Amino acid sequence: MIREHDPTADTEPIEEILERVRPRIKRLLKSNSIPLQDAEDVLQEALLDALRQWDTIRNVEAWLLGTLRFKCAQYWRRQRGERVQSVDPPMLEDLCEPLPPGQERDEVILDLRRLTRGLGRRHRAALWLRFGLGLSTNEVARRLGYCPASVRKLSSRALTRLHRWATSDPEGDSSP
């Protein structure tokens, strides 16, 4: 039950409002898969926004839940961005340089094939052209018929999957 805010009535303390919507807040955070260690921060961000705009809010419960939904979406956008940024761009550029000849190049190619075997065809092709053959993003885009931004997004998703596989295996075997 959502209660409308009546500006003429005494304002209800925020503690009472939070106590009333606590089950919905918990469900919302859980349904958005917000980790427990970050859930409090996300909720605090929503509450701070509510306090800043308190006088303009007509329906506190609905406003708070809507803002919390937005903060959850914002949290996951930040997480995706941080994962992409956690890959060191200079290291990736080093990988794009032409590979040394001989056995070292063969080993790198075998490792790349082994790592990417669990990826979809598009992801595998983008990574292979970009890092296996050392083509630029624009060259990969031309060969695959994509725009450069799509190649970057495709590569980023593939690298995120590879990173997830590599970090989820305690034995150190990075095969998917």
C-alpha atoms as a PDB file:
ATOM      1  CA  MET A   1       0.000   0.000   0.000  1.00  0.00           C
ATOM      2  CA  ILE A   2       1.527   3.312  -1.110  1.00  0.00           C
ATOM      3  CA  ARG A   3       0.543   6.340   0.911  1.00  0.00           C
ATOM      4  CA  GLU A   4       0.311   9.766  -0.632  1.00  0.00           C
ATOM      5  CA  HIS A   5       2.269  12.531   1.071  1.00  0.00           C
ATOM      6  CA  ASP A   6      -0.021  15.134   2.586  1.00  0.00           C
ATOM      7  CA  PRO A   7       1.852  18.448   2.926  1.00  0.00           C
ATOM      8  CA  THR A   8      -0.646  19.768   5.473  1.00  0.00           C
ATOM      9  CA  ALA A   9      -0.221  16.796   7.828  1.00  0.00           C
ATOM     10  CA  ASP A  10       2.708  16.350  10.162  1.00  0.00           C
ATOM     11  CA  THR A  11       5.530  14.770   8.210  1.00  0.00           C
ATOM     12  CA  GLU A  12       6.173  11.169   9.055  1.00  0.00           C
ATOM     13  CA  PRO A  13       9.700  10.456  10.305  1.00  0.00           C
ATOM     14  CA  ILE A  14      11.902   8.805   7.720  1.00  0.00           C
ATOM     15  CA  GLU A  15      12.596   5.927  10.117  1.00  0.00           C
ATOM     16  CA  GLU A  16       8.908   4.957  10.044  1.00  0.00           C
ATOM     17  CA  ILE A  17       8.790   5.194   6.260  1.00  0.00           C
ATOM     18  CA  LEU A  18      11.890   3.013   5.959  1.00  0.00           C
ATOM     19  CA  GLU A  19      10.485   0.472   8.400  1.00  0.00           C
ATOM     20  CA  ARG A  20       7.278   0.259   6.371  1.00  0.00           C
ATOM     21  CA  VAL A  21       9.037  -0.200   2.984  1.00  0.00           C
ATOM     22  CA  ARG A  22      11.930  -2.343   4.284  1.00  0.00           C
ATOM     23  CA  PRO A  23      10.588  -5.628   2.803  1.00  0.00           C
ATOM     24  CA  ARG A  24      10.165  -4.004  -0.623  1.00  0.00           C
ATOM     25  CA  ILE A  25      13.633  -2.456  -0.404  1.00  0.00           C
ATOM     26  CA  LYS A  26      15.139  -5.856   0.406  1.00  0.00           C
ATOM     27  CA  ARG A  27      13.254  -7.501  -2.484  1.00  0.00           C
ATOM     28  CA  LEU A  28      14.340  -4.751  -4.870  1.00  0.00           C
ATOM     29  CA  LEU A  29      18.014  -5.025  -3.901  1.00  0.00           C
ATOM     30  CA  LYS A  30      17.869  -8.826  -4.094  1.00  0.00           C
ATOM     31  CA  SER A  31      16.060  -8.884  -7.452  1.00  0.00           C
ATOM     32  CA  ASN A  32      18.754  -6.566  -8.857  1.00  0.00           C
ATOM     33  CA  SER A  33      21.461  -8.897  -7.474  1.00  0.00           C
ATOM     34  CA  ILE A  34      23.171  -6.109  -5.551  1.00  0.00           C
ATOM     35  CA  PRO A  35      25.905  -7.721  -3.410  1.00  0.00           C
ATOM     36  CA  LEU A  36      25.271  -7.410   0.312  1.00  0.00           C
ATOM     37  CA  GLN A  37      28.439  -5.389   0.866  1.00  0.00           C
ATOM     38  CA  ASP A  38      27.259  -2.781  -1.683  1.00  0.00           C
ATOM     39  CA  ALA A  39      23.508  -2.787  -0.935  1.00  0.00           C
ATOM     40  CA  GLU A  40      23.829  -0.355   1.965  1.00  0.00           C
ATOM     41  CA  ASP A  41      25.778   2.111  -0.179  1.00  0.00           C
ATOM     42  CA  VAL A  42      23.176   1.970  -2.960  1.00  0.00           C
ATOM     43  CA  LEU A  43      20.385   2.537  -0.437  1.00  0.00           C
ATOM     44  CA  GLN A  44      22.280   5.432   1.164  1.00  0.00           C
ATOM     45  CA  GLU A  45      22.685   7.109  -2.224  1.00  0.00           C
ATOM     46  CA  ALA A  46      18.913   6.879  -2.769  1.00  0.00           C
ATOM     47  CA  LEU A  47      18.209   8.233   0.727  1.00  0.00           C
ATOM     48  CA  LEU A  48      20.584  11.147   0.231  1.00  0.00           C
ATOM     49  CA  ASP A  49      18.801  12.033  -2.997  1.00  0.00           C
ATOM     50  CA  ALA A  50      15.482  11.819  -1.138  1.00  0.00           C
ATOM     51  CA  LEU A  51      16.693  14.125   1.618  1.00  0.00           C
ATOM     52  CA  ARG A  52      17.956  16.656  -0.912  1.00  0.00           C
ATOM     53  CA  GLN A  53      14.550  16.775  -2.603  1.00  0.00           C
ATOM     54  CA  TRP A  54      12.337  16.041   0.421  1.00  0.00           C
ATOM     55  CA  ASP A  55      10.147  19.148   0.074  1.00  0.00           C
ATOM     56  CA  THR A  56       9.283  18.365  -3.556  1.00  0.00           C
ATOM     57  CA  ILE A  57       8.404  14.666  -3.099  1.00  0.00           C
ATOM     58  CA  ARG A  58       4.670  13.954  -3.122  1.00  0.00           C
ATOM     59  CA  ASN A  59       4.733  10.185  -2.600  1.00  0.00           C
ATOM     60  CA  VAL A  60       7.775   9.292  -0.526  1.00  0.00           C
ATOM     61  CA  GLU A  61       7.472   5.504  -0.771  1.00  0.00           C
ATOM     62  CA  ALA A  62       7.019   5.427  -4.545  1.00  0.00           C
ATOM     63  CA  TRP A  63       9.734   8.021  -5.051  1.00  0.00           C
ATOM     64  CA  LEU A  64      12.183   6.143  -2.832  1.00  0.00           C
ATOM     65  CA  LEU A  65      11.554   2.786  -4.532  1.00  0.00           C
ATOM     66  CA  GLY A  66      11.813   4.337  -8.000  1.00  0.00           C
ATOM     67  CA  THR A  67      15.043   6.085  -7.098  1.00  0.00           C
ATOM     68  CA  LEU A  68      16.413   2.876  -5.595  1.00  0.00           C
ATOM     69  CA  ARG A  69      15.619   1.040  -8.874  1.00  0.00           C
ATOM     70  CA  PHE A  70      17.517   3.737 -10.761  1.00  0.00           C
ATOM     71  CA  LYS A  71      20.471   3.517  -8.334  1.00  0.00           C
ATOM     72  CA  CYS A  72      20.593  -0.270  -8.807  1.00  0.00           C
ATOM     73  CA  ALA A  73      20.789   0.153 -12.586  1.00  0.00           C
ATOM     74  CA  GLN A  74      23.433   2.830 -12.126  1.00  0.00           C
ATOM     75  CA  TYR A  75      25.417   0.479  -9.842  1.00  0.00           C
ATOM     76  CA  TRP A  76      25.595  -2.222 -12.525  1.00  0.00           C
ATOM     77  CA  ARG A  77      26.571   0.301 -15.227  1.00  0.00           C
ATOM     78  CA  ARG A  78      29.447   1.435 -12.999  1.00  0.00           C
ATOM     79  CA  GLN A  79      30.451  -2.174 -12.330  1.00  0.00           C
ATOM     80  CA  ARG A  80      30.584  -2.961 -16.052  1.00  0.00           C
ATOM     81  CA  GLY A  81      32.640   0.165 -16.674  1.00  0.00           C
ATOM     82  CA  GLU A  82      35.050  -0.696 -13.864  1.00  0.00           C
ATOM     83  CA  ARG A  83      35.546  -4.206 -15.243  1.00  0.00           C
ATOM     84  CA  VAL A  84      36.424  -2.805 -18.626  1.00  0.00           C
ATOM     85  CA  GLN A  85      38.759  -0.250 -17.038  1.00  0.00           C
ATOM     86  CA  SER A  86      40.355  -2.956 -14.851  1.00  0.00           C
ATOM     87  CA  VAL A  87      41.946  -4.363 -17.994  1.00  0.00           C
ATOM     88  CA  ASP A  88      45.080  -2.327 -18.434  1.00  0.00           C
ATOM     89  CA  PRO A  89      44.809  -0.527 -21.818  1.00  0.00           C
ATOM     90  CA  PRO A  90      48.603  -0.382 -22.350  1.00  0.00           C
ATOM     91  CA  MET A  91      48.749  -4.132 -21.734  1.00  0.00           C
ATOM     92  CA  LEU A  92      46.031  -4.670 -24.351  1.00  0.00           C
ATOM     93  CA  GLU A  93      47.906  -2.468 -26.796  1.00  0.00           C
ATOM     94  CA  ASP A  94      51.039  -4.550 -26.182  1.00  0.00           C
ATOM     95  CA  LEU A  95      48.998  -7.615 -27.072  1.00  0.00           C
ATOM     96  CA  CYS A  96      48.005  -5.925 -30.325  1.00  0.00           C
ATOM     97  CA  GLU A  97      51.594  -5.473 -31.434  1.00  0.00           C
ATOM     98  CA  PRO A  98      52.817  -7.999 -34.004  1.00  0.00           C
ATOM     99  CA  LEU A  99      53.703 -11.234 -32.255  1.00  0.00           C
ATOM    100  CA  PRO A 100      57.288 -12.456 -32.242  1.00  0.00           C
ATOM    101  CA  PRO A 101      58.067 -15.234 -34.718  1.00  0.00           C
ATOM    102  CA  GLY A 102      58.638 -18.853 -33.920  1.00  0.00           C
ATOM    103  CA  GLN A 103      57.683 -20.995 -30.994  1.00  0.00           C
ATOM    104  CA  GLU A 104      56.623 -18.102 -28.750  1.00  0.00           C
ATOM    105  CA  ARG A 105      54.059 -16.954 -31.321  1.00  0.00           C
ATOM    106  CA  ASP A 106      52.748 -20.516 -31.702  1.00  0.00           C
ATOM    107  CA  GLU A 107      52.327 -20.852 -27.928  1.00  0.00           C
ATOM    108  CA  VAL A 108      50.429 -17.575 -27.706  1.00  0.00           C
ATOM    109  CA  ILE A 109      48.146 -18.615 -30.562  1.00  0.00           C
ATOM    110  CA  LEU A 110      47.451 -21.994 -28.929  1.00  0.00           C
ATOM    111  CA  ASP A 111      46.711 -20.280 -25.603  1.00  0.00           C
ATOM    112  CA  LEU A 112      44.362 -17.824 -27.298  1.00  0.00           C
ATOM    113  CA  ARG A 113      42.521 -20.638 -29.089  1.00  0.00           C
ATOM    114  CA  ARG A 114      42.217 -22.643 -25.866  1.00  0.00           C
ATOM    115  CA  LEU A 115      40.908 -19.635 -23.932  1.00  0.00           C
ATOM    116  CA  THR A 116      38.368 -18.605 -26.542  1.00  0.00           C
ATOM    117  CA  ARG A 117      36.959 -22.003 -27.379  1.00  0.00           C
ATOM    118  CA  GLY A 118      33.966 -21.467 -25.038  1.00  0.00           C
ATOM    119  CA  LEU A 119      33.034 -18.112 -26.596  1.00  0.00           C
ATOM    120  CA  GLY A 120      30.499 -17.574 -29.358  1.00  0.00           C
ATOM    121  CA  ARG A 121      31.636 -17.275 -32.972  1.00  0.00           C
ATOM    122  CA  ARG A 122      31.334 -13.446 -33.102  1.00  0.00           C
ATOM    123  CA  HIS A 123      33.246 -12.951 -29.851  1.00  0.00           C
ATOM    124  CA  ARG A 124      35.934 -15.397 -30.903  1.00  0.00           C
ATOM    125  CA  ALA A 125      36.342 -13.723 -34.310  1.00  0.00           C
ATOM    126  CA  ALA A 126      36.615 -10.246 -32.796  1.00  0.00           C
ATOM    127  CA  LEU A 127      39.222 -11.328 -30.239  1.00  0.00           C
ATOM    128  CA  TRP A 128      41.172 -13.359 -32.768  1.00  0.00           C
ATOM    129  CA  LEU A 129      41.395 -10.522 -35.280  1.00  0.00           C
ATOM    130  CA  ARG A 130      42.103  -7.899 -32.626  1.00  0.00           C
ATOM    131  CA  PHE A 131      44.602  -9.684 -30.397  1.00  0.00           C
ATOM    132  CA  GLY A 132      45.587 -12.807 -32.342  1.00  0.00           C
ATOM    133  CA  LEU A 133      46.399 -11.039 -35.600  1.00  0.00           C
ATOM    134  CA  GLY A 134      47.005  -7.604 -34.089  1.00  0.00           C
ATOM    135  CA  LEU A 135      44.517  -5.706 -36.264  1.00  0.00           C
ATOM    136  CA  SER A 136      43.256  -2.301 -35.176  1.00  0.00           C
ATOM    137  CA  THR A 137      39.664  -1.834 -34.020  1.00  0.00           C
ATOM    138  CA  ASN A 138      38.805  -0.137 -37.317  1.00  0.00           C
ATOM    139  CA  GLU A 139      40.303  -3.006 -39.337  1.00  0.00           C
ATOM    140  CA  VAL A 140      38.370  -5.565 -37.293  1.00  0.00           C
ATOM    141  CA  ALA A 141      35.173  -3.547 -37.785  1.00  0.00           C
ATOM    142  CA  ARG A 142      35.683  -3.469 -41.561  1.00  0.00           C
ATOM    143  CA  ARG A 143      36.356  -7.217 -41.761  1.00  0.00           C
ATOM    144  CA  LEU A 144      33.375  -8.199 -39.610  1.00  0.00           C
ATOM    145  CA  GLY A 145      30.997  -5.569 -41.004  1.00  0.00           C
ATOM    146  CA  TYR A 146      30.519  -3.763 -37.675  1.00  0.00           C
ATOM    147  CA  CYS A 147      31.124  -0.227 -36.534  1.00  0.00           C
ATOM    148  CA  PRO A 148      34.233   0.301 -34.345  1.00  0.00           C
ATOM    149  CA  ALA A 149      32.116   0.942 -31.232  1.00  0.00           C
ATOM    150  CA  SER A 150      30.443  -2.456 -31.689  1.00  0.00           C
ATOM    151  CA  VAL A 151      33.829  -4.149 -31.974  1.00  0.00           C
ATOM    152  CA  ARG A 152      34.969  -2.475 -28.749  1.00  0.00           C
ATOM    153  CA  LYS A 153      31.774  -3.580 -26.970  1.00  0.00           C
ATOM    154  CA  LEU A 154      32.045  -7.109 -28.380  1.00  0.00           C
ATOM    155  CA  SER A 155      35.702  -7.358 -27.337  1.00  0.00           C
ATOM    156  CA  SER A 156      34.920  -5.960 -23.912  1.00  0.00           C
ATOM    157  CA  ARG A 157      32.175  -8.521 -23.314  1.00  0.00           C
ATOM    158  CA  ALA A 158      34.401 -11.359 -24.473  1.00  0.00           C
ATOM    159  CA  LEU A 159      37.251 -10.190 -22.240  1.00  0.00           C
ATOM    160  CA  THR A 160      34.840  -9.934 -19.305  1.00  0.00           C
ATOM    161  CA  ARG A 161      33.750 -13.537 -19.864  1.00  0.00           C
ATOM    162  CA  LEU A 162      37.345 -14.702 -20.129  1.00  0.00           C
ATOM    163  CA  HIS A 163      38.231 -12.779 -16.969  1.00  0.00           C
ATOM    164  CA  ARG A 164      35.246 -14.329 -15.144  1.00  0.00           C
ATOM    165  CA  TRP A 165      36.316 -17.826 -16.262  1.00  0.00           C
ATOM    166  CA  ALA A 166      39.921 -17.220 -15.275  1.00  0.00           C
ATOM    167  CA  THR A 167      39.041 -15.896 -11.819  1.00  0.00           C
ATOM    168  CA  SER A 168      36.371 -18.515 -11.063  1.00  0.00           C
ATOM    169  CA  ASP A 169      38.739 -21.480 -11.410  1.00  0.00           C
ATOM    170  CA  PRO A 170      40.755 -21.984  -8.185  1.00  0.00           C
ATOM    171  CA  GLU A 171      43.141 -24.427  -9.855  1.00  0.00           C
ATOM    172  CA  GLY A 172      44.484 -21.759 -12.187  1.00  0.00           C
ATOM    173  CA  ASP A 173      43.294 -23.576 -15.300  1.00  0.00           C
ATOM    174  CA  SER A 174      41.793 -20.722 -17.328  1.00  0.00           C
ATOM    175  CA  SER A 175      39.959 -22.930 -19.815  1.00  0.00           C
ATOM    176  CA  PRO A 176      36.187 -22.222 -19.896  1.00  0.00           C
END
